[in-house]
Amino acid sequence: MIVDLPGGGTFRVCTKRDTYPDGREFVGYGIQPDILVERTLDIVRSGEDKVLDRAFADLESSITSSAF
């Protein structure tokens, strides 16, 4: 929704409603990942990327478990 302001300005307000297929709203809640990787301040400070590390580990595991 766009509203005209005095002096030629405008402002815009988002008026759409986003939901999961079952009708639950995710705005303000987010979409939970299938695999949750905890992050701590110490991990962030160390520069480690635990999310990427976990993704590689899961990918490697799925490749080796599906090998013929």
Protein backbone atom coordinates (compact mmCIF):
# COMPACT_ATOMS: atom_id res chain seq x y z
CA MET A 1 0.00 0.00 0.00
CA ILE A 2 1.47 3.35 -1.03
CA VAL A 3 0.31 6.53 0.70
CA ASP A 4 0.95 10.04 -0.64
CA LEU A 5 2.42 12.53 1.81
CA PRO A 6 2.28 16.32 1.76
CA GLY A 7 5.13 17.87 -0.20
CA GLY A 8 5.23 15.11 -2.83
CA GLY A 9 6.59 12.31 -0.66
CA THR A 10 5.18 8.82 -0.27
CA PHE A 11 5.49 5.94 2.12
CA ARG A 12 4.88 2.27 1.57
CA VAL A 13 3.42 -0.28 3.97
CA CYS A 14 3.68 -3.97 3.23
CA THR A 15 0.20 -5.45 3.39
CA LYS A 16 0.74 -9.01 2.22
CA ARG A 17 0.38 -12.00 4.53
CA ASP A 18 2.93 -14.81 4.27
CA THR A 19 2.11 -18.25 5.66
CA TYR A 20 3.18 -21.86 5.54
CA PRO A 21 0.99 -24.12 3.41
CA ASP A 22 -0.91 -25.15 6.56
CA GLY A 23 -1.83 -21.53 7.31
CA ARG A 24 0.64 -20.84 10.14
CA GLU A 25 2.35 -17.47 9.88
CA PHE A 26 6.13 -17.33 9.76
CA VAL A 27 6.57 -13.55 9.82
CA GLY A 28 8.21 -12.78 13.15
CA TYR A 29 9.05 -16.45 13.70
CA GLY A 30 11.14 -17.36 10.68
CA ILE A 31 11.50 -20.71 9.02
CA GLN A 32 13.22 -23.28 11.19
CA PRO A 33 16.02 -25.19 9.46
CA ASP A 34 15.89 -28.97 9.17
CA ILE A 35 19.23 -29.13 10.97
CA LEU A 36 19.84 -26.65 13.77
CA VAL A 37 23.46 -25.65 14.36
CA GLU A 38 24.05 -23.77 17.60
CA ARG A 39 26.18 -20.64 17.41
CA THR A 40 27.95 -19.14 20.39
CA LEU A 41 29.82 -15.90 20.73
CA ASP A 42 33.09 -17.81 21.10
CA ILE A 43 32.48 -19.65 17.81
CA VAL A 44 31.68 -16.40 16.00
CA ARG A 45 34.79 -14.76 17.44
CA SER A 46 36.97 -17.69 16.36
CA GLY A 47 35.92 -17.21 12.74
CA GLU A 48 34.76 -20.83 12.45
CA ASP A 49 31.79 -21.50 10.21
CA LYS A 50 29.98 -24.29 12.06
CA VAL A 51 26.99 -24.12 9.70
CA LEU A 52 29.19 -24.72 6.65
CA ASP A 53 31.17 -27.41 8.49
CA ARG A 54 27.93 -29.24 9.35
CA ALA A 55 26.66 -28.94 5.78
CA PHE A 56 29.87 -30.49 4.44
CA ALA A 57 29.72 -33.29 7.03
CA ASP A 58 26.10 -34.10 6.17
CA LEU A 59 26.86 -33.99 2.45
CA GLU A 60 29.86 -36.27 2.86
CA SER A 61 27.80 -38.66 4.99
CA SER A 62 25.00 -38.82 2.43
CA ILE A 63 27.48 -39.43 -0.41
CA THR A 64 29.30 -42.25 1.39
CA SER A 65 26.07 -43.90 2.59
CA SER A 66 24.62 -43.93 -0.92
CA ALA A 67 27.77 -45.27 -2.58
CA PHE A 68 27.36 -48.58 -4.36
